Amino acid sequence: SDEVTLQLGQEEFFYAKASEAISKGQVVMFAGAQGDHLLIQKADVTVTGFRQEWVVGVANQDFDNNEFGYVTSFGKVRNINTLAFNEGDLLWLSTSTPGALTNVEPTKPACPVLVAAVTRSHQNQGTIFVRVATTKKLQELCDVSSATPNDGDVLAWDAATSTWKPIAPVFPALYGVTTYP
């Protein structure tokens, strides 16, 4: 079993149950609940209905399927292989490999999940500092109504409801343009 040491006042851990095998240093996400504990799995952007907010941290130990252990939601994960990265690199959740970290920010329209920064580059004693940060989608903003968008719509402010709503473009009529370039 891996030993996990909490640096009091510098890190936040939580105890969870793995719903699959997970390796130390892999990014994990919410996978449900069972009884009074959280279930986790490797973070995977291809899961149906994936939400960035499901990403909860980085495994601080190896997990077998159905094993309990610790996940770092804020702070350092030590003694992992970070040789592929430089100190100071920002690490993102990979959009192609579940649970993996990459120092290449995913390209739009993918919603990038910033997971950590490399504080020590080393094959066996590498360290990352975890602080998961997500990027919101436009339709997730509280003052945007995206109930019925159509291809080519633009957003317009509706003062009566205090929301931005999708509408068909009105640019040709406003500017005397009859065709788009």
N, C-alpha and C. Protein backbone atom coordinates (compact mmCIF):
# COMPACT_ATOMS: atom_id res chain seq x y z
N SER A 1 0.84 -1.18 0.00
CA SER A 1 0.00 0.00 0.00
C SER A 1 0.89 1.25 0.00
N ASP A 2 0.47 2.27 -0.76
CA ASP A 2 1.22 3.53 -0.81
C ASP A 2 0.98 4.34 0.44
N GLU A 3 2.01 5.00 0.91
CA GLU A 3 1.88 5.87 2.07
C GLU A 3 1.54 7.27 1.59
N VAL A 4 0.57 7.90 2.23
CA VAL A 4 0.15 9.26 1.89
C VAL A 4 0.38 10.12 3.11
N THR A 5 1.12 11.23 2.92
CA THR A 5 1.43 12.13 4.02
C THR A 5 0.79 13.48 3.75
N LEU A 6 0.00 13.96 4.68
CA LEU A 6 -0.65 15.26 4.57
C LEU A 6 0.26 16.33 5.16
N GLN A 7 0.55 17.37 4.37
CA GLN A 7 1.30 18.52 4.85
C GLN A 7 0.28 19.49 5.42
N LEU A 8 0.08 19.48 6.71
CA LEU A 8 -0.96 20.24 7.38
C LEU A 8 -0.95 21.71 6.98
N GLY A 9 -2.10 22.19 6.53
CA GLY A 9 -2.25 23.58 6.14
C GLY A 9 -1.77 23.88 4.73
N GLN A 10 -1.25 22.87 4.02
CA GLN A 10 -0.73 23.09 2.68
C GLN A 10 -1.45 22.26 1.61
N GLU A 11 -2.22 21.28 2.03
CA GLU A 11 -2.85 20.37 1.08
C GLU A 11 -4.24 19.99 1.54
N GLU A 12 -5.06 19.62 0.55
CA GLU A 12 -6.40 19.10 0.84
C GLU A 12 -6.53 17.74 0.16
N PHE A 13 -6.86 16.74 0.95
CA PHE A 13 -7.11 15.39 0.47
C PHE A 13 -8.57 15.05 0.73
N PHE A 14 -9.05 14.05 0.01
CA PHE A 14 -10.31 13.41 0.40
C PHE A 14 -10.17 11.92 0.14
N TYR A 15 -10.99 11.17 0.85
CA TYR A 15 -10.97 9.71 0.82
C TYR A 15 -12.07 9.26 -0.12
N ALA A 16 -11.76 8.36 -1.04
CA ALA A 16 -12.75 7.93 -2.03
C ALA A 16 -12.53 6.47 -2.40
N LYS A 17 -13.50 5.92 -3.12
CA LYS A 17 -13.43 4.54 -3.58
C LYS A 17 -13.32 4.53 -5.10
N ALA A 18 -12.35 3.79 -5.61
CA ALA A 18 -12.11 3.71 -7.05
C ALA A 18 -13.10 2.75 -7.71
N SER A 19 -13.67 3.17 -8.83
CA SER A 19 -14.57 2.29 -9.58
C SER A 19 -13.83 1.60 -10.73
N GLU A 20 -12.51 1.79 -10.76
CA GLU A 20 -11.63 1.12 -11.71
C GLU A 20 -10.20 1.27 -11.19
N ALA A 21 -9.26 0.57 -11.78
CA ALA A 21 -7.85 0.72 -11.37
C ALA A 21 -7.38 2.12 -11.78
N ILE A 22 -6.72 2.81 -10.86
CA ILE A 22 -6.22 4.17 -11.08
C ILE A 22 -4.79 4.22 -10.56
N SER A 23 -3.91 4.85 -11.31
CA SER A 23 -2.51 4.97 -10.90
C SER A 23 -2.25 6.31 -10.24
N LYS A 24 -1.30 6.30 -9.30
CA LYS A 24 -0.88 7.53 -8.65
C LYS A 24 -0.48 8.55 -9.72
N GLY A 25 -0.97 9.78 -9.58
CA GLY A 25 -0.67 10.83 -10.54
C GLY A 25 -1.69 10.99 -11.64
N GLN A 26 -2.68 10.09 -11.71
CA GLN A 26 -3.72 10.24 -12.73
C GLN A 26 -4.81 11.18 -12.24
N VAL A 27 -5.40 11.91 -13.18
CA VAL A 27 -6.50 12.82 -12.88
C VAL A 27 -7.76 11.99 -12.69
N VAL A 28 -8.54 12.31 -11.65
CA VAL A 28 -9.76 11.55 -11.37
C VAL A 28 -10.98 12.46 -11.38
N MET A 29 -12.13 11.81 -11.58
CA MET A 29 -13.39 12.54 -11.61
C MET A 29 -14.46 11.81 -10.82
N PHE A 30 -15.50 12.55 -10.49
CA PHE A 30 -16.68 12.02 -9.81
C PHE A 30 -17.29 10.91 -10.66
N ALA A 31 -17.60 9.78 -10.03
CA ALA A 31 -18.21 8.66 -10.74
C ALA A 31 -19.44 8.15 -10.00
N GLY A 32 -19.99 8.97 -9.10
CA GLY A 32 -21.17 8.58 -8.34
C GLY A 32 -20.87 8.50 -6.85
N ALA A 33 -21.80 7.92 -6.14
CA ALA A 33 -21.64 7.75 -4.70
C ALA A 33 -22.18 6.39 -4.32
N GLN A 34 -21.66 5.85 -3.24
CA GLN A 34 -22.09 4.55 -2.75
C GLN A 34 -22.06 4.63 -1.24
N GLY A 35 -23.22 4.47 -0.64
CA GLY A 35 -23.28 4.64 0.81
C GLY A 35 -22.96 6.08 1.13
N ASP A 36 -21.99 6.30 1.97
CA ASP A 36 -21.63 7.68 2.32
C ASP A 36 -20.26 8.08 1.77
N HIS A 37 -19.82 7.43 0.68
CA HIS A 37 -18.51 7.78 0.12
C HIS A 37 -18.59 8.07 -1.38
N LEU A 38 -17.63 8.83 -1.83
CA LEU A 38 -17.52 9.24 -3.22
C LEU A 38 -16.87 8.14 -4.04
N LEU A 39 -17.39 7.91 -5.23
CA LEU A 39 -16.77 7.00 -6.19
C LEU A 39 -15.98 7.84 -7.19
N ILE A 40 -14.81 7.36 -7.58
CA ILE A 40 -13.98 8.06 -8.55
C ILE A 40 -13.58 7.12 -9.68
N GLN A 41 -13.25 7.73 -10.82
CA GLN A 41 -12.70 7.01 -11.96
C GLN A 41 -11.72 7.94 -12.65
N LYS A 42 -10.92 7.41 -13.59
CA LYS A 42 -10.02 8.26 -14.36
C LYS A 42 -10.85 9.31 -15.09
N ALA A 43 -10.41 10.56 -15.04
CA ALA A 43 -11.13 11.64 -15.72
C ALA A 43 -11.10 11.38 -17.22
N ASP A 44 -12.30 11.40 -17.83
CA ASP A 44 -12.45 11.04 -19.24
C ASP A 44 -13.45 11.98 -19.90
N VAL A 45 -12.97 12.86 -20.77
CA VAL A 45 -13.84 13.84 -21.41
C VAL A 45 -14.81 13.22 -22.40
N THR A 46 -14.61 11.93 -22.75
CA THR A 46 -15.50 11.28 -23.71
C THR A 46 -16.70 10.59 -23.05
N VAL A 47 -16.76 10.61 -21.73
CA VAL A 47 -17.90 10.02 -21.03
C VAL A 47 -19.16 10.82 -21.37
N THR A 48 -20.24 10.13 -21.65
CA THR A 48 -21.49 10.78 -22.00
C THR A 48 -21.89 11.79 -20.93
N GLY A 49 -22.17 13.02 -21.34
CA GLY A 49 -22.60 14.07 -20.42
C GLY A 49 -21.48 14.68 -19.61
N PHE A 50 -20.20 14.42 -19.98
CA PHE A 50 -19.06 14.91 -19.21
C PHE A 50 -19.20 16.38 -18.87
N ARG A 51 -18.92 16.70 -17.62
CA ARG A 51 -18.90 18.08 -17.14
C ARG A 51 -17.52 18.32 -16.51
N GLN A 52 -16.93 19.45 -16.80
CA GLN A 52 -15.62 19.77 -16.23
C GLN A 52 -15.65 19.73 -14.71
N GLU A 53 -16.76 20.09 -14.12
CA GLU A 53 -16.87 20.12 -12.67
C GLU A 53 -16.76 18.74 -12.04
N TRP A 54 -16.86 17.68 -12.83
CA TRP A 54 -16.69 16.33 -12.31
C TRP A 54 -15.23 16.04 -11.95
N VAL A 55 -14.27 16.80 -12.53
CA VAL A 55 -12.85 16.59 -12.24
C VAL A 55 -12.59 17.07 -10.82
N VAL A 56 -12.12 16.16 -9.96
CA VAL A 56 -12.00 16.48 -8.54
C VAL A 56 -10.57 16.48 -8.00
N GLY A 57 -9.60 15.99 -8.77
CA GLY A 57 -8.24 16.02 -8.27
C GLY A 57 -7.34 15.00 -8.95
N VAL A 58 -6.24 14.68 -8.25
CA VAL A 58 -5.22 13.76 -8.76
C VAL A 58 -5.00 12.67 -7.71
N ALA A 59 -4.96 11.42 -8.18
CA ALA A 59 -4.74 10.29 -7.28
C ALA A 59 -3.40 10.43 -6.57
N ASN A 60 -3.44 10.29 -5.26
CA ASN A 60 -2.23 10.41 -4.45
C ASN A 60 -1.64 9.04 -4.12
N GLN A 61 -2.18 8.01 -4.74
CA GLN A 61 -1.71 6.64 -4.55
C GLN A 61 -2.28 5.80 -5.67
N ASP A 62 -1.78 4.58 -5.81
CA ASP A 62 -2.36 3.62 -6.74
C ASP A 62 -3.63 3.05 -6.12
N PHE A 63 -4.66 2.85 -6.94
CA PHE A 63 -5.92 2.26 -6.49
C PHE A 63 -6.19 1.01 -7.33
N ASP A 64 -6.58 -0.08 -6.68
CA ASP A 64 -7.17 -1.20 -7.40
C ASP A 64 -8.66 -0.92 -7.51
N ASN A 65 -9.35 -1.61 -8.39
CA ASN A 65 -10.80 -1.46 -8.49
C ASN A 65 -11.44 -1.75 -7.13
N ASN A 66 -12.35 -0.91 -6.69
CA ASN A 66 -13.08 -1.01 -5.43
C ASN A 66 -12.21 -0.75 -4.20
N GLU A 67 -11.03 -0.20 -4.38
CA GLU A 67 -10.16 0.12 -3.25
C GLU A 67 -10.37 1.57 -2.82
N PHE A 68 -10.25 1.81 -1.52
CA PHE A 68 -10.34 3.16 -0.96
C PHE A 68 -8.96 3.77 -0.88
N GLY A 69 -8.92 5.11 -0.98
CA GLY A 69 -7.65 5.79 -0.85
C GLY A 69 -7.82 7.30 -0.96
N TYR A 70 -6.69 7.99 -1.12
CA TYR A 70 -6.69 9.45 -1.07
C TYR A 70 -6.46 10.10 -2.43
N VAL A 71 -7.15 11.22 -2.61
CA VAL A 71 -7.04 12.06 -3.80
C VAL A 71 -6.69 13.46 -3.33
N THR A 72 -5.75 14.11 -4.01
CA THR A 72 -5.40 15.49 -3.70
C THR A 72 -6.25 16.42 -4.55
N SER A 73 -7.01 17.27 -3.88
CA SER A 73 -7.82 18.27 -4.60
C SER A 73 -7.12 19.61 -4.64
N PHE A 74 -6.16 19.83 -3.73
CA PHE A 74 -5.37 21.06 -3.71
C PHE A 74 -4.07 20.75 -2.99
N GLY A 75 -2.96 21.04 -3.63
CA GLY A 75 -1.66 20.81 -3.00
C GLY A 75 -0.78 19.90 -3.84
N LYS A 76 0.28 19.41 -3.24
CA LYS A 76 1.29 18.65 -3.97
C LYS A 76 1.00 17.15 -4.02
N VAL A 77 1.30 16.58 -5.19
CA VAL A 77 1.39 15.13 -5.35
C VAL A 77 2.86 14.88 -5.66
N ARG A 78 3.48 14.07 -4.83
CA ARG A 78 4.93 13.84 -4.89
C ARG A 78 5.27 12.43 -5.38
N ASN A 79 6.52 12.30 -5.78
CA ASN A 79 7.06 11.00 -6.17
C ASN A 79 6.32 10.36 -7.34
N ILE A 80 6.13 11.18 -8.38
CA ILE A 80 5.54 10.69 -9.63
C ILE A 80 6.51 11.02 -10.77
N ASN A 81 6.29 10.40 -11.92
CA ASN A 81 7.15 10.64 -13.08
C ASN A 81 6.69 11.90 -13.80
N THR A 82 7.48 12.96 -13.71
CA THR A 82 7.20 14.22 -14.41
C THR A 82 8.33 14.55 -15.39
N LEU A 83 9.14 13.57 -15.75
CA LEU A 83 10.30 13.79 -16.60
C LEU A 83 9.92 14.36 -17.97
N ALA A 84 8.72 14.08 -18.45
CA ALA A 84 8.28 14.58 -19.76
C ALA A 84 7.97 16.08 -19.73
N PHE A 85 7.99 16.67 -18.54
CA PHE A 85 7.61 18.08 -18.41
C PHE A 85 8.75 18.89 -17.81
N ASN A 86 8.67 20.20 -17.97
CA ASN A 86 9.63 21.11 -17.35
C ASN A 86 9.02 21.72 -16.10
N GLU A 87 9.87 22.10 -15.17
CA GLU A 87 9.37 22.80 -13.98
C GLU A 87 8.70 24.09 -14.43
N GLY A 88 7.51 24.34 -13.90
CA GLY A 88 6.73 25.51 -14.29
C GLY A 88 5.70 25.23 -15.36
N ASP A 89 5.77 24.06 -16.02
CA ASP A 89 4.75 23.73 -17.03
C ASP A 89 3.38 23.64 -16.39
N LEU A 90 2.38 24.16 -17.07
CA LEU A 90 0.98 23.96 -16.67
C LEU A 90 0.54 22.63 -17.26
N LEU A 91 -0.24 21.88 -16.49
CA LEU A 91 -0.70 20.57 -16.93
C LEU A 91 -2.22 20.55 -17.05
N TRP A 92 -2.68 20.07 -18.17
CA TRP A 92 -4.09 20.02 -18.51
C TRP A 92 -4.55 18.57 -18.55
N LEU A 93 -5.85 18.34 -18.36
CA LEU A 93 -6.44 17.02 -18.55
C LEU A 93 -6.37 16.70 -20.04
N SER A 94 -5.83 15.54 -20.36
CA SER A 94 -5.75 15.11 -21.75
C SER A 94 -7.15 14.86 -22.30
N THR A 95 -7.38 15.26 -23.55
CA THR A 95 -8.66 14.99 -24.20
C THR A 95 -8.64 13.67 -24.95
N SER A 96 -7.48 13.00 -24.98
CA SER A 96 -7.38 11.74 -25.72
C SER A 96 -7.10 10.52 -24.85
N THR A 97 -6.50 10.73 -23.66
CA THR A 97 -6.16 9.59 -22.80
C THR A 97 -6.76 9.81 -21.41
N PRO A 98 -7.75 8.99 -21.01
CA PRO A 98 -8.38 9.18 -19.70
C PRO A 98 -7.35 9.19 -18.56
N GLY A 99 -7.47 10.19 -17.69
CA GLY A 99 -6.61 10.29 -16.52
C GLY A 99 -5.25 10.91 -16.76
N ALA A 100 -4.88 11.13 -18.01
CA ALA A 100 -3.53 11.61 -18.32
C ALA A 100 -3.44 13.13 -18.25
N LEU A 101 -2.21 13.57 -17.99
CA LEU A 101 -1.89 15.00 -17.99
C LEU A 101 -1.09 15.33 -19.23
N THR A 102 -1.26 16.55 -19.73
CA THR A 102 -0.50 17.04 -20.88
C THR A 102 -0.12 18.49 -20.63
N ASN A 103 1.02 18.89 -21.18
CA ASN A 103 1.40 20.29 -21.06
C ASN A 103 0.97 21.11 -22.28
N VAL A 104 0.13 20.51 -23.11
CA VAL A 104 -0.42 21.19 -24.29
C VAL A 104 -1.89 21.48 -24.01
N GLU A 105 -2.24 22.77 -23.97
CA GLU A 105 -3.63 23.15 -23.72
C GLU A 105 -4.51 22.64 -24.86
N PRO A 106 -5.62 21.97 -24.55
CA PRO A 106 -6.52 21.50 -25.60
C PRO A 106 -7.03 22.67 -26.44
N THR A 107 -7.18 22.42 -27.73
CA THR A 107 -7.65 23.47 -28.63
C THR A 107 -9.17 23.59 -28.57
N LYS A 108 -9.64 24.80 -28.83
CA LYS A 108 -11.08 25.06 -28.85
C LYS A 108 -11.68 24.29 -30.02
N PRO A 109 -12.88 23.80 -29.95
CA PRO A 109 -13.89 24.10 -28.96
C PRO A 109 -13.86 23.23 -27.71
N ALA A 110 -12.85 22.38 -27.56
CA ALA A 110 -12.74 21.60 -26.33
C ALA A 110 -12.63 22.56 -25.15
N CYS A 111 -13.27 22.22 -24.06
CA CYS A 111 -13.19 23.03 -22.84
C CYS A 111 -12.04 22.52 -22.00
N PRO A 112 -10.95 23.28 -21.93
CA PRO A 112 -9.78 22.79 -21.21
C PRO A 112 -9.99 22.75 -19.70
N VAL A 113 -9.41 21.74 -19.06
CA VAL A 113 -9.41 21.64 -17.60
C VAL A 113 -7.96 21.75 -17.15
N LEU A 114 -7.61 22.87 -16.53
CA LEU A 114 -6.26 23.06 -16.00
C LEU A 114 -6.20 22.33 -14.66
N VAL A 115 -5.25 21.41 -14.52
CA VAL A 115 -5.21 20.54 -13.35
C VAL A 115 -4.09 20.91 -12.38
N ALA A 116 -2.89 21.20 -12.89
CA ALA A 116 -1.73 21.34 -12.01
C ALA A 116 -0.60 22.09 -12.69
N ALA A 117 0.44 22.31 -11.92
CA ALA A 117 1.70 22.86 -12.44
C ALA A 117 2.83 21.98 -11.93
N VAL A 118 3.85 21.81 -12.75
CA VAL A 118 5.01 21.00 -12.38
C VAL A 118 5.92 21.83 -11.48
N THR A 119 6.22 21.30 -10.30
CA THR A 119 7.15 21.99 -9.41
C THR A 119 8.50 21.27 -9.33
N ARG A 120 8.53 20.01 -9.79
CA ARG A 120 9.81 19.30 -9.88
C ARG A 120 9.72 18.29 -11.01
N SER A 121 10.66 18.41 -11.94
CA SER A 121 10.73 17.48 -13.06
C SER A 121 11.73 16.39 -12.71
N HIS A 122 11.23 15.16 -12.61
CA HIS A 122 12.10 14.03 -12.24
C HIS A 122 11.38 12.73 -12.59
N GLN A 123 12.16 11.71 -12.93
CA GLN A 123 11.57 10.43 -13.32
C GLN A 123 10.82 9.74 -12.18
N ASN A 124 11.37 9.78 -10.96
CA ASN A 124 10.74 9.07 -9.84
C ASN A 124 10.30 9.99 -8.71
N GLN A 125 10.90 11.15 -8.61
CA GLN A 125 10.62 12.06 -7.51
C GLN A 125 10.02 13.38 -8.00
N GLY A 126 9.28 13.30 -9.09
CA GLY A 126 8.62 14.49 -9.63
C GLY A 126 7.49 14.95 -8.72
N THR A 127 7.16 16.23 -8.80
CA THR A 127 6.10 16.81 -7.97
C THR A 127 5.25 17.75 -8.83
N ILE A 128 3.95 17.69 -8.60
CA ILE A 128 3.04 18.65 -9.22
C ILE A 128 2.23 19.32 -8.12
N PHE A 129 1.79 20.54 -8.39
CA PHE A 129 0.91 21.24 -7.47
C PHE A 129 -0.47 21.27 -8.12
N VAL A 130 -1.44 20.65 -7.45
CA VAL A 130 -2.80 20.50 -7.98
C VAL A 130 -3.68 21.65 -7.56
N ARG A 131 -4.37 22.22 -8.53
CA ARG A 131 -5.44 23.20 -8.30
C ARG A 131 -6.30 23.19 -9.55
N VAL A 132 -7.35 22.38 -9.53
CA VAL A 132 -8.19 22.19 -10.70
C VAL A 132 -8.96 23.48 -11.00
N ALA A 133 -8.90 23.91 -12.27
CA ALA A 133 -9.62 25.10 -12.72
C ALA A 133 -10.32 24.77 -14.03
N THR A 134 -11.58 25.16 -14.13
CA THR A 134 -12.36 24.87 -15.33
C THR A 134 -12.68 26.15 -16.08
N THR A 135 -13.08 25.98 -17.34
CA THR A 135 -13.47 27.08 -18.21
C THR A 135 -14.95 26.91 -18.52
N LYS A 136 -15.73 27.93 -18.29
CA LYS A 136 -17.17 27.82 -18.50
C LYS A 136 -17.54 27.88 -19.98
N LYS A 137 -18.61 27.19 -20.32
CA LYS A 137 -19.21 27.29 -21.64
C LYS A 137 -20.20 28.44 -21.60
N LEU A 138 -20.43 29.08 -22.72
CA LEU A 138 -21.34 30.21 -22.79
C LEU A 138 -22.73 29.85 -22.25
N GLN A 139 -23.26 28.70 -22.63
CA GLN A 139 -24.61 28.34 -22.20
C GLN A 139 -24.71 28.02 -20.71
N GLU A 140 -23.56 27.93 -20.01
CA GLU A 140 -23.58 27.69 -18.57
C GLU A 140 -23.65 28.97 -17.76
N LEU A 141 -23.50 30.11 -18.41
CA LEU A 141 -23.59 31.38 -17.69
C LEU A 141 -25.02 31.61 -17.23
N CYS A 142 -25.17 32.18 -16.05
CA CYS A 142 -26.50 32.29 -15.45
C CYS A 142 -27.41 33.30 -16.15
N ASP A 143 -26.89 34.20 -16.96
CA ASP A 143 -27.76 35.18 -17.61
C ASP A 143 -27.86 34.94 -19.12
N VAL A 144 -27.60 33.69 -19.58
CA VAL A 144 -27.71 33.35 -20.99
C VAL A 144 -28.74 32.24 -21.14
N SER A 145 -29.74 32.50 -21.99
CA SER A 145 -30.74 31.48 -22.30
C SER A 145 -30.32 30.80 -23.60
N SER A 146 -30.03 29.52 -23.52
CA SER A 146 -29.64 28.79 -24.72
C SER A 146 -30.65 27.69 -25.02
N ALA A 147 -31.90 27.93 -24.67
CA ALA A 147 -32.93 26.90 -24.81
C ALA A 147 -33.20 26.53 -26.26
N THR A 148 -33.17 27.49 -27.17
CA THR A 148 -33.53 27.19 -28.57
C THR A 148 -32.58 27.84 -29.57
N PRO A 149 -31.28 27.64 -29.45
CA PRO A 149 -30.38 28.26 -30.43
C PRO A 149 -30.47 27.56 -31.79
N ASN A 150 -30.29 28.34 -32.85
CA ASN A 150 -30.26 27.81 -34.20
C ASN A 150 -28.92 28.18 -34.83
N ASP A 151 -28.53 27.42 -35.82
CA ASP A 151 -27.27 27.69 -36.50
C ASP A 151 -27.27 29.12 -37.03
N GLY A 152 -26.24 29.88 -36.71
CA GLY A 152 -26.11 31.25 -37.19
C GLY A 152 -26.70 32.30 -36.27
N ASP A 153 -27.37 31.88 -35.19
CA ASP A 153 -27.95 32.85 -34.26
C ASP A 153 -26.87 33.70 -33.61
N VAL A 154 -27.27 34.88 -33.15
CA VAL A 154 -26.42 35.75 -32.36
C VAL A 154 -27.11 35.99 -31.02
N LEU A 155 -26.37 36.46 -30.04
CA LEU A 155 -26.97 36.76 -28.74
C LEU A 155 -27.40 38.21 -28.69
N ALA A 156 -28.58 38.43 -28.13
CA ALA A 156 -29.10 39.79 -27.96
C ALA A 156 -29.63 39.92 -26.54
N TRP A 157 -29.48 41.09 -25.94
CA TRP A 157 -29.93 41.35 -24.59
C TRP A 157 -31.44 41.56 -24.59
N ASP A 158 -32.14 40.86 -23.68
CA ASP A 158 -33.57 41.03 -23.48
C ASP A 158 -33.76 41.68 -22.11
N ALA A 159 -34.01 42.99 -22.13
CA ALA A 159 -34.12 43.74 -20.87
C ALA A 159 -35.30 43.28 -20.04
N ALA A 160 -36.35 42.79 -20.67
CA ALA A 160 -37.54 42.36 -19.94
C ALA A 160 -37.24 41.17 -19.02
N THR A 161 -36.36 40.27 -19.46
CA THR A 161 -36.02 39.09 -18.66
C THR A 161 -34.61 39.15 -18.09
N SER A 162 -33.87 40.20 -18.41
CA SER A 162 -32.48 40.37 -17.98
C SER A 162 -31.61 39.17 -18.36
N THR A 163 -31.77 38.71 -19.60
CA THR A 163 -30.96 37.60 -20.10
C THR A 163 -30.53 37.87 -21.54
N TRP A 164 -29.45 37.20 -21.91
CA TRP A 164 -29.02 37.17 -23.30
C TRP A 164 -29.73 36.00 -23.95
N LYS A 165 -30.34 36.24 -25.12
CA LYS A 165 -31.09 35.19 -25.82
C LYS A 165 -30.61 35.07 -27.26
N PRO A 166 -30.67 33.84 -27.81
CA PRO A 166 -30.30 33.68 -29.22
C PRO A 166 -31.40 34.23 -30.13
N ILE A 167 -30.98 34.97 -31.15
CA ILE A 167 -31.94 35.47 -32.16
C ILE A 167 -31.31 35.32 -33.53
N ALA A 168 -32.15 35.34 -34.56
CA ALA A 168 -31.64 35.31 -35.93
C ALA A 168 -30.93 36.63 -36.19
N PRO A 169 -29.83 36.60 -36.94
CA PRO A 169 -29.09 37.84 -37.17
C PRO A 169 -29.94 38.89 -37.90
N VAL A 170 -29.75 40.13 -37.51
CA VAL A 170 -30.47 41.24 -38.13
C VAL A 170 -29.52 42.20 -38.82
N PHE A 171 -28.27 41.80 -38.99
CA PHE A 171 -27.26 42.68 -39.56
C PHE A 171 -27.61 43.20 -40.95
N PRO A 172 -28.13 42.37 -41.88
CA PRO A 172 -28.41 42.91 -43.23
C PRO A 172 -29.39 44.08 -43.17
N ALA A 173 -30.43 43.95 -42.40
CA ALA A 173 -31.43 45.02 -42.33
C ALA A 173 -30.85 46.27 -41.66
N LEU A 174 -30.00 46.08 -40.67
CA LEU A 174 -29.42 47.22 -39.97
C LEU A 174 -28.46 48.01 -40.83
N TYR A 175 -27.70 47.32 -41.66
CA TYR A 175 -26.64 47.97 -42.41
C TYR A 175 -26.91 48.05 -43.90
N GLY A 176 -28.09 47.69 -44.36
CA GLY A 176 -28.41 47.76 -45.76
C GLY A 176 -27.71 46.71 -46.59
N VAL A 177 -27.24 45.65 -45.96
CA VAL A 177 -26.54 44.60 -46.67
C VAL A 177 -27.56 43.52 -47.05
N THR A 178 -27.52 43.09 -48.27
CA THR A 178 -28.48 42.07 -48.70
C THR A 178 -27.84 40.69 -48.81
N THR A 179 -26.51 40.63 -48.89
CA THR A 179 -25.84 39.33 -48.93
C THR A 179 -24.64 39.36 -48.01
N TYR A 180 -24.24 38.20 -47.57
CA TYR A 180 -23.03 38.08 -46.78
C TYR A 180 -21.87 37.83 -47.73
N PRO A 181 -20.68 38.32 -47.37
CA PRO A 181 -19.51 38.09 -48.26
C PRO A 181 -19.17 36.63 -48.37
